[in-house]
Amino acid sequence: MYGDVPIALGGIGLFLLGMIILTQGLRDLAGSSLRRVLARFTSSPLKGAAAGAVVTAIVQSSSVTTVTAVGFVGAGLLTFPQGLGIVLGANIGTTITGWLVALLGFKLSLGSAVLPLVLIGALLRLFGGSRLAAAGWALAGFGVLFIGIETMQEGMSRLEGIVTPADFPDDSLGGRLLLVLIGVGITLVTQSSSVGVATALAALGSGAISFPQAAAMTIGMDVGTTFKAALATLGGSTATRRTGFAHVIYNLMTGVLALCILDLYALLTERWLAGGGAEAAQFALVGFHTTFNVLGVVLVLPFAEPFARFLTFLFQERGPALTRRLDDRLLDHPPLAVYAATSTAGDIIRHVASAFGELLDPRYEAPAGLSESAAFDDALVRTRSFVDRIRSESLEPELQSRHAATIHILDHSLRLIHRGQQEDRVRTLHTEHRLRRLSLVLSDALNRSAEATIASEVERFHRITQLLGQQRRRYRELMVMSAISAEVDTETALMRLDAMRWLYRVSYHLSRIAHHMSCMERGVRPAGARDEIAGEVALD
């Protein structure tokens, strides 16, 4: 008896190893495609659920999908209701592994047949390019997974008659709750509900456990997947905690639902189970796993918005509004860290543009200086610190371009905010009709960008900068002649010239910010250093 236990445990270990390798290979092979799918096809909770199910089926891990969704919400790529849809769908996607094991793993003995796949996959991993290496790793993981299934099945079959359902808690409410806890424990140890379901299928096939016992353990395994999502929320942003705990609450609710329908499901499949043997019991188990997960999504989706509002109320926003996305835990995932930085830079720019629109508007009394400048300074300092710690050298070009654009935006924003604090120049703009008119042109552009995005107004800001460059030269001649003819005193003329230069420089920085925001949104490399230097020379 005891000599057969290591075989069963080794089979579980091989299956787990295969799942880890397969998931990593598929995730690397998909690359940024998974991020694009999750970011694009989540306009509603229903579409988010579909995207979550598809992505989980592809990467063979609901934990990967859920943790990614948590990170996306924290980074500002997704809203909380969109992330909630993905979390719901991930539970459906993870049931695919159970069907794969039941249909192929136990029905067909593929352990020996897939051994060459492991070799081919390993060779591709060693000698192939990045895409081939990822495909090879996934292929090797697929092979190891089925070797693990066959080994596990062999070990379990040797325990037939030795380990029986009587060795597990009985089929009572208390017994089922204990089995649920055992299922939770298995998932916590293996960090994969798929491994737990495969183990339950093998034990069910060997007669070690009964169908109700296996079903109760499967419920616990589903609940156990929330552990990673809960861990991902620790020390995270408010949006991160909302999404993570949505997964925890939803899976607990689904677990209760599954316990409630277990007897009904067993009654409906009783005849099939009685005449079909171990194979029928295995299919019934994966069917039950799929049924309660699909039913849970169907019941919760109509109430997704109220559920999201409840969690929003439960987890109130905290910390500075402009930098609440900058969760240091995202630095362990550079792509998400880049998105968090770009989203934060966009938020800062929107607020700065709005404040400058008010500052430059001559229809109002000239403010003393840029409103909330201290908050902007603090936000930029924290964002610069966060961006400095992002390691993007190994990321795809699109993300490297976003990272570079963010650095440019922060550089111009710092200088822009510094100019917004120069009160004497702002006041001077409001004292002369030509300066007031040019200020209004820039103010209107800023107000327009507040309704859309500053990136969408990149051409407008470029034209305004060119206009101000031309007007600056003409205005210099005008002020010099006015001073010579004693229309204005020399000090006033110099102050107005200084204000005109100030307005041009503000416009230049806004134009460059709009350009880099546009580059960031399109994922293209920002302007080279020569363009930046040429612009700086033009300021003098």
Protein backbone atom coordinates (compact mmCIF):
# COMPACT_ATOMS: atom_id res chain seq x y z
CA MET A 1 0.00 0.00 0.00
CA TYR A 2 2.54 2.55 1.12
CA GLY A 3 4.77 1.81 -1.86
CA ASP A 4 1.97 2.90 -4.17
CA VAL A 5 1.36 6.24 -2.46
CA PRO A 6 4.57 7.84 -3.84
CA ILE A 7 3.44 6.91 -7.36
CA ALA A 8 0.14 8.71 -6.87
CA LEU A 9 1.87 11.71 -5.28
CA GLY A 10 4.46 11.74 -8.06
CA GLY A 11 1.67 11.74 -10.62
CA ILE A 12 0.07 14.74 -8.90
CA GLY A 13 3.46 16.47 -8.90
CA LEU A 14 4.02 15.77 -12.61
CA PHE A 15 0.53 17.03 -13.42
CA LEU A 16 1.19 20.21 -11.42
CA LEU A 17 4.56 20.68 -13.11
CA GLY A 18 2.94 20.18 -16.50
CA MET A 19 0.27 22.77 -15.67
CA ILE A 20 2.92 25.30 -14.56
CA ILE A 21 5.03 24.79 -17.71
CA LEU A 22 1.99 24.77 -20.02
CA THR A 23 0.57 27.94 -18.49
CA GLN A 24 3.90 29.77 -18.67
CA GLY A 25 4.47 28.67 -22.27
CA LEU A 26 0.98 29.67 -23.41
CA ARG A 27 1.22 33.00 -21.58
CA ASP A 28 4.59 33.78 -23.20
CA LEU A 29 3.32 32.65 -26.60
CA ALA A 30 0.26 34.88 -26.37
CA GLY A 31 2.39 37.82 -25.15
CA SER A 32 0.59 41.13 -25.28
CA SER A 33 -2.38 39.55 -27.10
CA LEU A 34 -3.91 38.52 -23.78
CA ARG A 35 -3.59 42.06 -22.46
CA ARG A 36 -5.18 43.44 -25.63
CA VAL A 37 -8.06 40.95 -25.45
CA LEU A 38 -8.74 41.78 -21.82
CA ALA A 39 -8.42 45.54 -22.41
CA ARG A 40 -10.51 45.68 -25.59
CA PHE A 41 -13.32 43.19 -25.19
CA THR A 42 -14.54 44.24 -21.77
CA SER A 43 -16.90 47.12 -22.52
CA SER A 44 -19.60 45.42 -20.42
CA PRO A 45 -19.59 42.81 -17.62
CA LEU A 46 -21.02 40.23 -20.08
CA LYS A 47 -18.22 40.81 -22.61
CA GLY A 48 -15.73 40.83 -19.74
CA ALA A 49 -17.02 37.43 -18.59
CA ALA A 50 -16.65 36.05 -22.11
CA ALA A 51 -13.11 37.47 -22.40
CA GLY A 52 -12.19 36.08 -18.98
CA ALA A 53 -13.47 32.62 -19.93
CA VAL A 54 -11.59 32.60 -23.25
CA VAL A 55 -8.31 33.85 -21.79
CA THR A 56 -8.49 31.35 -18.90
CA ALA A 57 -9.15 28.52 -21.35
CA ILE A 58 -6.08 29.64 -23.34
CA VAL A 59 -3.62 30.00 -20.46
CA GLN A 60 -5.17 27.15 -18.44
CA SER A 61 -5.14 29.10 -15.20
CA SER A 62 -7.95 31.10 -13.61
CA SER A 63 -5.45 32.49 -11.08
CA VAL A 64 -3.35 34.01 -13.87
CA THR A 65 -6.44 35.65 -15.40
CA THR A 66 -7.77 36.90 -12.08
CA VAL A 67 -4.45 38.31 -10.87
CA THR A 68 -3.98 39.95 -14.30
CA ALA A 69 -7.46 41.49 -14.06
CA VAL A 70 -6.66 42.74 -10.56
CA GLY A 71 -3.46 44.30 -11.91
CA PHE A 72 -5.25 45.86 -14.90
CA VAL A 73 -7.84 47.49 -12.68
CA GLY A 74 -5.10 48.72 -10.36
CA ALA A 75 -3.16 50.09 -13.35
CA GLY A 76 -6.22 51.92 -14.67
CA LEU A 77 -6.48 49.86 -17.87
CA LEU A 78 -9.88 48.56 -16.86
CA THR A 79 -12.68 49.95 -14.76
CA PHE A 80 -13.79 47.96 -11.76
CA PRO A 81 -17.04 46.69 -13.41
CA GLN A 82 -14.98 45.51 -16.42
CA GLY A 83 -12.55 43.70 -14.14
CA LEU A 84 -15.49 42.15 -12.32
CA GLY A 85 -16.72 40.61 -15.58
CA ILE A 86 -13.31 39.02 -16.20
CA VAL A 87 -13.27 37.56 -12.69
CA LEU A 88 -16.68 35.98 -13.28
CA GLY A 89 -15.64 34.50 -16.61
CA ALA A 90 -12.36 33.09 -15.31
CA ASN A 91 -14.24 30.50 -13.27
CA ILE A 92 -15.93 29.17 -16.41
CA GLY A 93 -12.67 29.04 -18.34
CA THR A 94 -10.95 26.97 -15.69
CA THR A 95 -13.48 24.12 -16.14
CA ILE A 96 -11.93 23.39 -19.57
CA THR A 97 -9.01 21.62 -17.87
CA GLY A 98 -11.38 19.17 -16.19
CA TRP A 99 -12.99 18.31 -19.52
CA LEU A 100 -9.55 17.91 -21.10
CA VAL A 101 -8.50 15.48 -18.38
CA ALA A 102 -11.77 13.51 -18.48
CA LEU A 103 -11.99 13.31 -22.28
CA LEU A 104 -8.34 12.61 -23.08
CA GLY A 105 -6.34 11.96 -19.95
CA PHE A 106 -8.36 9.12 -18.46
CA LYS A 107 -10.13 7.89 -21.57
CA LEU A 108 -6.94 7.59 -23.65
CA SER A 109 -3.61 6.44 -22.24
CA LEU A 110 -1.44 9.17 -23.72
CA GLY A 111 1.47 9.01 -21.29
CA SER A 112 3.80 7.07 -23.59
CA ALA A 113 2.49 8.72 -26.76
CA VAL A 114 3.33 12.24 -25.60
CA LEU A 115 6.89 11.47 -24.46
CA PRO A 116 8.34 12.61 -27.84
CA LEU A 117 6.44 15.91 -27.40
CA VAL A 118 8.43 16.58 -24.23
CA LEU A 119 11.70 16.13 -26.14
CA ILE A 120 10.57 18.26 -29.07
CA GLY A 121 9.33 20.95 -26.71
CA ALA A 122 12.58 20.96 -24.73
CA LEU A 123 14.65 21.28 -27.93
CA LEU A 124 12.51 24.16 -29.14
CA ARG A 125 12.91 25.81 -25.75
CA LEU A 126 16.70 25.47 -25.94
CA PHE A 127 17.33 26.37 -29.59
CA GLY A 128 14.26 28.23 -30.90
CA GLY A 129 13.57 31.93 -31.07
CA SER A 130 11.34 33.63 -28.54
CA ARG A 131 8.07 32.49 -30.14
CA LEU A 132 9.29 28.96 -30.85
CA ALA A 133 10.77 28.71 -27.35
CA ALA A 134 7.40 29.65 -25.83
CA ALA A 135 5.58 27.17 -28.10
CA GLY A 136 8.09 24.48 -27.18
CA TRP A 137 7.64 25.16 -23.48
CA ALA A 138 3.86 24.88 -23.86
CA LEU A 139 4.29 21.64 -25.84
CA ALA A 140 6.58 20.17 -23.18
CA GLY A 141 4.13 21.18 -20.47
CA PHE A 142 1.29 19.51 -22.40
CA GLY A 143 3.30 16.30 -22.55
CA VAL A 144 4.31 16.34 -18.89
CA LEU A 145 0.68 17.02 -17.93
CA PHE A 146 -0.52 13.78 -19.58
CA ILE A 147 2.40 11.80 -18.21
CA GLY A 148 1.33 13.04 -14.79
CA ILE A 149 -2.28 11.99 -15.44
CA GLU A 150 -1.22 8.46 -16.39
CA THR A 151 1.12 8.18 -13.40
CA MET A 152 -1.56 9.51 -11.06
CA GLN A 153 -4.11 7.09 -12.51
CA GLU A 154 -1.70 4.18 -12.05
CA GLY A 155 -0.98 5.13 -8.44
CA MET A 156 -4.67 5.58 -7.64
CA SER A 157 -5.62 2.27 -9.26
CA ARG A 158 -3.16 0.41 -7.00
CA LEU A 159 -4.93 1.93 -4.00
CA GLU A 160 -8.28 0.52 -5.16
CA GLY A 161 -9.93 -1.30 -2.28
CA ILE A 162 -7.35 0.00 0.17
CA VAL A 163 -8.51 3.62 0.24
CA THR A 164 -12.33 3.75 0.12
CA PRO A 165 -15.03 6.40 0.57
CA ALA A 166 -15.37 5.24 4.15
CA ASP A 167 -11.92 6.71 4.86
CA PHE A 168 -13.29 10.20 4.07
CA PRO A 169 -15.97 12.24 5.86
CA ASP A 170 -19.47 10.82 5.36
CA ASP A 171 -22.08 12.31 3.04
CA SER A 172 -23.75 14.57 5.61
CA LEU A 173 -23.83 18.37 5.81
CA GLY A 174 -20.95 18.38 8.29
CA GLY A 175 -19.06 15.83 6.22
CA ARG A 176 -19.53 17.86 3.04
CA LEU A 177 -18.33 21.03 4.73
CA LEU A 178 -15.24 19.16 5.91
CA LEU A 179 -14.68 17.88 2.35
CA VAL A 180 -15.01 21.45 1.09
CA LEU A 181 -12.24 22.46 3.51
CA ILE A 182 -10.11 19.55 2.28
CA GLY A 183 -10.64 20.83 -1.29
CA VAL A 184 -9.61 24.33 -0.20
CA GLY A 185 -6.49 22.88 1.42
CA ILE A 186 -5.53 20.95 -1.74
CA THR A 187 -5.79 24.13 -3.84
CA LEU A 188 -3.78 26.13 -1.31
CA VAL A 189 -1.00 23.52 -1.39
CA THR A 190 -0.93 23.02 -5.16
CA GLN A 191 -1.94 26.62 -6.04
CA SER A 192 -4.11 25.19 -8.81
CA SER A 193 -7.73 24.11 -8.73
CA SER A 194 -7.14 22.20 -11.98
CA VAL A 195 -4.67 19.93 -10.21
CA GLY A 196 -7.21 19.36 -7.44
CA VAL A 197 -9.98 18.52 -9.92
CA ALA A 198 -7.68 16.09 -11.76
CA THR A 199 -6.79 14.43 -8.43
CA ALA A 200 -10.47 14.15 -7.53
CA LEU A 201 -11.19 12.61 -10.95
CA ALA A 202 -8.43 10.05 -10.46
CA ALA A 203 -9.62 9.18 -6.94
CA LEU A 204 -13.21 8.94 -8.19
CA GLY A 205 -12.15 6.65 -11.04
CA SER A 206 -10.34 4.29 -8.64
CA GLY A 207 -13.29 4.19 -6.25
CA ALA A 208 -11.36 5.88 -3.45
CA ILE A 209 -14.12 8.49 -3.07
CA SER A 210 -17.79 8.67 -4.03
CA PHE A 211 -19.35 11.19 -6.41
CA PRO A 212 -20.86 13.42 -3.66
CA GLN A 213 -17.52 13.43 -1.83
CA ALA A 214 -15.63 14.35 -5.01
CA ALA A 215 -18.20 17.06 -5.81
CA ALA A 216 -17.87 18.62 -2.34
CA MET A 217 -14.07 18.64 -2.65
CA THR A 218 -14.37 20.29 -6.08
CA ILE A 219 -16.45 23.07 -4.55
CA GLY A 220 -13.67 23.67 -2.03
CA MET A 221 -11.08 23.70 -4.80
CA ASP A 222 -13.02 26.45 -6.57
CA VAL A 223 -13.14 28.49 -3.36
CA GLY A 224 -9.42 27.91 -2.81
CA THR A 225 -8.53 29.71 -6.05
CA THR A 226 -9.43 33.00 -4.34
CA PHE A 227 -6.26 32.80 -2.23
CA LYS A 228 -4.01 34.30 -4.93
CA ALA A 229 -6.50 37.05 -5.70
CA ALA A 230 -6.74 37.88 -2.00
CA LEU A 231 -2.93 37.99 -1.74
CA ALA A 232 -2.79 40.32 -4.75
CA THR A 233 -4.92 42.86 -2.84
CA LEU A 234 -2.63 43.15 0.18
CA GLY A 235 -1.15 46.64 0.27
CA GLY A 236 -2.71 47.34 -3.12
CA SER A 237 -4.79 50.21 -4.39
CA THR A 238 -8.50 50.56 -3.68
CA ALA A 239 -9.40 49.34 -7.19
CA THR A 240 -7.13 46.32 -6.70
CA ARG A 241 -8.78 45.42 -3.40
CA ARG A 242 -12.25 45.78 -4.88
CA THR A 243 -11.47 43.40 -7.74
CA GLY A 244 -9.65 40.87 -5.58
CA PHE A 245 -12.36 40.72 -2.95
CA ALA A 246 -15.04 40.56 -5.66
CA HIS A 247 -13.43 37.27 -6.68
CA VAL A 248 -13.40 36.05 -3.07
CA ILE A 249 -17.04 37.02 -2.41
CA TYR A 250 -18.26 35.65 -5.75
CA ASN A 251 -16.52 32.28 -5.31
CA LEU A 252 -17.89 31.94 -1.78
CA MET A 253 -21.39 32.68 -3.10
CA THR A 254 -20.91 30.16 -5.92
CA GLY A 255 -19.67 27.59 -3.41
CA VAL A 256 -22.84 28.00 -1.35
CA LEU A 257 -24.92 27.70 -4.53
CA ALA A 258 -23.05 24.52 -5.52
CA LEU A 259 -23.70 22.93 -2.12
CA CYS A 260 -27.40 23.77 -2.48
CA ILE A 261 -27.75 22.13 -5.92
CA LEU A 262 -25.49 19.12 -5.26
CA ASP A 263 -28.34 16.82 -4.15
CA LEU A 264 -30.52 17.85 -7.08
CA TYR A 265 -27.65 17.28 -9.53
CA ALA A 266 -26.88 13.87 -7.98
CA LEU A 267 -30.56 12.92 -8.25
CA LEU A 268 -30.73 13.92 -11.92
CA THR A 269 -27.60 11.92 -12.78
CA GLU A 270 -28.35 8.96 -10.50
CA ARG A 271 -29.36 6.51 -13.26
CA TRP A 272 -26.46 7.50 -15.47
CA LEU A 273 -24.01 7.11 -12.58
CA ALA A 274 -25.44 3.70 -11.68
CA GLY A 275 -25.03 2.26 -15.17
CA GLY A 276 -21.95 4.07 -16.43
CA GLY A 277 -19.31 3.14 -13.88
CA ALA A 278 -16.20 5.17 -13.12
CA GLU A 279 -16.12 6.93 -16.49
CA ALA A 280 -19.69 8.24 -16.06
CA ALA A 281 -18.85 9.45 -12.56
CA GLN A 282 -15.84 11.38 -13.89
CA PHE A 283 -17.89 13.08 -16.61
CA ALA A 284 -20.61 13.83 -14.08
CA LEU A 285 -18.03 15.51 -11.83
CA VAL A 286 -16.65 17.83 -14.53
CA GLY A 287 -20.25 18.47 -15.60
CA PHE A 288 -21.11 19.51 -12.05
CA HIS A 289 -18.01 21.74 -11.90
CA THR A 290 -19.06 23.46 -15.12
CA THR A 291 -22.74 23.66 -14.16
CA PHE A 292 -22.34 25.52 -10.89
CA ASN A 293 -19.76 27.89 -12.36
CA VAL A 294 -21.92 28.75 -15.37
CA LEU A 295 -25.01 29.03 -13.18
CA GLY A 296 -23.15 31.36 -10.80
CA VAL A 297 -22.19 33.69 -13.65
CA VAL A 298 -25.71 33.63 -15.12
CA LEU A 299 -27.22 34.56 -11.74
CA VAL A 300 -24.68 37.26 -10.86
CA LEU A 301 -24.24 39.02 -14.23
CA PRO A 302 -27.65 40.79 -14.16
CA PHE A 303 -26.63 42.24 -10.79
CA ALA A 304 -23.04 43.07 -11.76
CA GLU A 305 -23.55 46.84 -11.54
CA PRO A 306 -25.23 46.77 -8.07
CA PHE A 307 -22.55 44.29 -6.94
CA ALA A 308 -19.86 46.68 -8.19
CA ARG A 309 -21.53 49.60 -6.38
CA PHE A 310 -21.68 47.57 -3.17
CA LEU A 311 -17.96 46.81 -3.34
CA THR A 312 -17.23 50.45 -4.22
CA PHE A 313 -19.09 51.45 -1.07
CA LEU A 314 -17.33 48.74 0.93
CA PHE A 315 -13.84 49.83 -0.19
CA GLN A 316 -13.71 53.62 -0.27
CA GLU A 317 -10.98 55.45 -2.18
CA ARG A 318 -7.93 56.36 -0.14
CA GLY A 319 -4.67 58.20 -0.69
CA PRO A 320 -3.93 61.06 -3.14
CA ALA A 321 -6.40 60.98 -6.03
CA LEU A 322 -3.80 61.54 -8.76
CA THR A 323 -1.44 58.72 -7.77
CA ARG A 324 -3.71 56.06 -6.30
CA ARG A 325 -2.91 53.74 -9.23
CA LEU A 326 0.80 53.66 -8.38
CA ASP A 327 0.86 50.40 -6.47
CA ASP A 328 4.47 49.33 -5.81
CA ARG A 329 3.38 45.69 -6.17
CA LEU A 330 2.85 46.36 -9.88
CA LEU A 331 6.61 46.86 -10.28
CA ASP A 332 6.94 43.05 -10.15
CA HIS A 333 4.91 43.04 -13.40
CA PRO A 334 6.60 45.64 -15.66
CA PRO A 335 3.84 45.72 -18.34
CA LEU A 336 1.22 46.55 -15.71
CA ALA A 337 3.59 49.06 -14.08
CA VAL A 338 4.00 50.83 -17.44
CA TYR A 339 0.23 51.02 -17.90
CA ALA A 340 -0.20 52.32 -14.34
CA ALA A 341 2.41 55.04 -14.99
CA THR A 342 0.86 56.07 -18.31
CA SER A 343 -2.64 56.20 -16.80
CA THR A 344 -1.36 58.29 -13.90
CA ALA A 345 0.50 60.66 -16.25
CA GLY A 346 -2.72 61.06 -18.24
CA ASP A 347 -4.68 61.89 -15.07
CA ILE A 348 -2.11 64.47 -13.98
CA ILE A 349 -2.11 66.12 -17.41
CA ARG A 350 -5.90 66.35 -17.51
CA HIS A 351 -5.93 68.15 -14.16
CA VAL A 352 -2.99 70.38 -15.08
CA ALA A 353 -4.59 71.29 -18.42
CA SER A 354 -7.82 72.22 -16.65
CA ALA A 355 -5.96 74.36 -14.12
CA PHE A 356 -3.98 76.14 -16.87
CA GLY A 357 -7.17 76.71 -18.85
CA GLU A 358 -8.54 78.63 -15.87
CA LEU A 359 -5.23 80.36 -15.20
CA LEU A 360 -4.95 81.72 -18.76
CA ASP A 361 -8.58 82.71 -19.30
CA PRO A 362 -8.65 86.56 -19.41
CA ARG A 363 -12.41 86.61 -18.83
CA TYR A 364 -11.77 85.92 -15.15
CA GLU A 365 -9.74 87.80 -12.61
CA ALA A 366 -6.11 86.73 -12.82
CA PRO A 367 -5.46 84.05 -10.16
CA ALA A 368 -2.46 84.31 -7.89
CA GLY A 369 -0.94 81.21 -9.50
CA LEU A 370 -1.64 77.68 -10.65
CA SER A 371 -4.29 76.08 -8.44
CA GLU A 372 -3.30 72.85 -6.66
CA SER A 373 0.33 73.31 -7.68
CA ALA A 374 1.53 71.59 -4.48
CA ALA A 375 -0.66 68.56 -5.23
CA PHE A 376 0.68 68.45 -8.80
CA ASP A 377 4.27 68.68 -7.56
CA ASP A 378 3.72 65.82 -5.11
CA ALA A 379 2.03 63.70 -7.78
CA LEU A 380 4.85 64.26 -10.26
CA VAL A 381 7.55 63.46 -7.69
CA ARG A 382 5.86 60.19 -6.76
CA THR A 383 5.20 59.28 -10.40
CA ARG A 384 8.81 59.98 -11.36
CA SER A 385 9.99 57.74 -8.53
CA PHE A 386 7.63 54.96 -9.68
CA VAL A 387 8.65 55.29 -13.36
CA ASP A 388 12.34 55.24 -12.40
CA ARG A 389 11.88 51.78 -10.88
CA ILE A 390 10.16 50.22 -13.91
CA ARG A 391 12.39 47.77 -15.76
CA SER A 392 11.12 47.79 -19.35
CA GLU A 393 14.28 46.80 -21.23
CA SER A 394 12.95 43.27 -21.86
CA LEU A 395 9.42 44.35 -22.84
CA GLU A 396 8.04 44.57 -26.37
CA PRO A 397 8.70 47.82 -28.31
CA GLU A 398 5.17 49.15 -27.78
CA LEU A 399 5.55 49.11 -23.99
CA GLN A 400 9.08 50.53 -24.18
CA SER A 401 7.65 53.38 -26.29
CA ARG A 402 4.95 54.01 -23.69
CA HIS A 403 7.60 54.06 -20.96
CA ALA A 404 9.74 56.54 -22.92
CA ALA A 405 6.74 58.76 -23.69
CA THR A 406 5.80 58.85 -20.02
CA ILE A 407 9.28 60.08 -19.09
CA HIS A 408 9.01 62.87 -21.68
CA ILE A 409 5.56 63.84 -20.39
CA LEU A 410 6.76 64.01 -16.79
CA ASP A 411 9.74 66.15 -17.83
CA HIS A 412 7.59 68.71 -19.66
CA SER A 413 4.95 68.61 -16.90
CA LEU A 414 7.49 69.54 -14.22
CA ARG A 415 8.61 72.54 -16.21
CA LEU A 416 5.03 73.49 -17.02
CA ILE A 417 3.97 73.43 -13.36
CA HIS A 418 7.04 75.48 -12.45
CA ARG A 419 5.91 78.16 -14.92
CA GLY A 420 2.39 78.05 -13.53
CA GLN A 421 3.76 79.27 -10.20
CA GLN A 422 5.25 82.46 -11.74
CA GLU A 423 2.49 84.81 -10.59
CA ASP A 424 3.91 88.10 -11.94
CA ARG A 425 3.98 86.81 -15.53
CA VAL A 426 0.41 85.49 -15.27
CA ARG A 427 -0.83 88.86 -13.98
CA THR A 428 0.95 90.70 -16.79
CA LEU A 429 -0.87 88.58 -19.39
CA HIS A 430 -4.15 90.05 -18.17
CA THR A 431 -3.03 93.70 -18.50
CA GLU A 432 -2.62 94.09 -22.29
CA HIS A 433 -5.18 93.32 -25.02
CA ARG A 434 -2.86 91.37 -27.39
CA LEU A 435 -1.58 89.20 -24.56
CA ARG A 436 -5.15 88.65 -23.37
CA ARG A 437 -6.25 87.59 -26.86
CA LEU A 438 -3.38 85.10 -27.28
CA SER A 439 -3.97 83.77 -23.76
CA LEU A 440 -7.61 83.16 -24.68
CA VAL A 441 -6.57 81.16 -27.77
CA LEU A 442 -4.46 78.82 -25.61
CA SER A 443 -7.08 78.71 -22.85
CA ASP A 444 -9.80 77.65 -25.31
CA ALA A 445 -7.58 74.87 -26.63
CA LEU A 446 -7.02 73.63 -23.09
CA ASN A 447 -10.74 73.72 -22.36
CA ARG A 448 -11.39 71.78 -25.55
CA SER A 449 -8.82 69.15 -24.58
CA ALA A 450 -10.55 68.75 -21.21
CA GLU A 451 -13.69 67.62 -23.07
CA ALA A 452 -11.72 65.08 -25.15
CA THR A 453 -8.03 64.35 -24.52
CA ILE A 454 -4.96 66.51 -24.93
CA ALA A 455 -3.57 63.91 -27.35
CA SER A 456 -6.54 64.43 -29.69
CA GLU A 457 -5.67 68.14 -29.87
CA VAL A 458 -1.99 67.64 -30.72
CA GLU A 459 -2.28 69.44 -34.09
CA ARG A 460 -4.12 72.37 -32.52
CA PHE A 461 -1.43 72.86 -29.85
CA HIS A 462 1.27 72.59 -32.52
CA ARG A 463 -0.39 75.35 -34.59
CA ILE A 464 -0.85 77.55 -31.52
CA THR A 465 2.84 77.16 -30.65
CA GLN A 466 3.80 78.17 -34.19
CA LEU A 467 1.42 81.15 -33.99
CA LEU A 468 2.87 82.28 -30.66
CA GLY A 469 6.39 81.92 -32.05
CA GLN A 470 5.51 84.30 -34.88
CA GLN A 471 3.61 86.68 -32.62
CA ARG A 472 6.48 86.76 -30.15
CA ARG A 473 8.83 88.23 -32.73
CA ARG A 474 6.28 90.81 -33.86
CA TYR A 475 5.37 91.67 -30.30
CA ARG A 476 9.03 92.29 -29.46
CA GLU A 477 9.27 94.90 -32.24
CA LEU A 478 5.98 96.46 -31.10
CA MET A 479 7.03 96.75 -27.46
CA VAL A 480 10.47 98.10 -28.32
CA MET A 481 8.93 100.81 -30.51
CA SER A 482 6.31 101.57 -27.82
CA ALA A 483 9.08 102.05 -25.26
CA ILE A 484 11.06 104.29 -27.63
CA SER A 485 8.01 106.44 -28.34
CA ALA A 486 7.23 106.58 -24.60
CA GLU A 487 3.80 104.97 -25.08
CA VAL A 488 4.81 102.61 -22.25
CA ASP A 489 7.68 102.81 -19.84
CA THR A 490 10.66 100.51 -20.32
CA GLU A 491 9.87 98.38 -17.26
CA THR A 492 6.31 97.67 -18.46
CA ALA A 493 7.59 96.81 -21.94
CA LEU A 494 10.13 94.36 -20.51
CA MET A 495 7.49 92.76 -18.27
CA ARG A 496 5.16 92.28 -21.24
CA LEU A 497 7.96 90.78 -23.34
CA ASP A 498 8.73 88.42 -20.48
CA ALA A 499 5.03 87.46 -20.25
CA MET A 500 4.95 86.80 -24.00
CA ARG A 501 7.97 84.48 -23.71
CA TRP A 502 6.28 82.79 -20.77
CA LEU A 503 3.11 82.18 -22.82
CA TYR A 504 5.12 80.74 -25.71
CA ARG A 505 7.04 78.41 -23.40
CA VAL A 506 3.82 77.19 -21.77
CA SER A 507 2.39 76.52 -25.24
CA TYR A 508 5.56 74.68 -26.27
CA HIS A 509 5.46 72.37 -23.25
CA LEU A 510 1.76 71.70 -23.81
CA SER A 511 2.45 70.93 -27.47
CA ARG A 512 5.19 68.46 -26.56
CA ILE A 513 3.02 66.86 -23.89
CA ALA A 514 0.20 66.43 -26.43
CA HIS A 515 2.69 64.92 -28.90
CA HIS A 516 4.04 62.42 -26.39
CA MET A 517 0.55 61.57 -25.15
CA SER A 518 -0.40 60.81 -28.75
CA CYS A 519 2.72 58.64 -29.15
CA MET A 520 1.88 56.87 -25.89
CA GLU A 521 -1.68 56.10 -26.97
CA ARG A 522 -0.48 54.79 -30.34
CA GLY A 523 2.42 52.86 -28.82
CA VAL A 524 5.04 54.46 -31.10
CA ARG A 525 8.47 55.80 -30.24
CA PRO A 526 8.42 59.52 -29.23
CA ALA A 527 10.39 62.19 -31.06
CA GLY A 528 14.14 61.84 -30.90
CA ALA A 529 16.46 63.93 -28.79
CA ARG A 530 17.22 66.32 -31.69
CA ASP A 531 13.56 67.42 -31.89
CA GLU A 532 13.51 68.10 -28.16
CA ILE A 533 16.79 70.05 -28.31
CA ALA A 534 15.55 72.08 -31.30
CA GLY A 535 12.45 72.99 -29.36
CA GLU A 536 14.45 74.02 -26.33
CA VAL A 537 16.70 76.24 -28.45
CA ALA A 538 13.59 77.90 -29.90
CA LEU A 539 12.54 78.89 -26.40
CA ASP A 540 15.54 81.13 -25.90
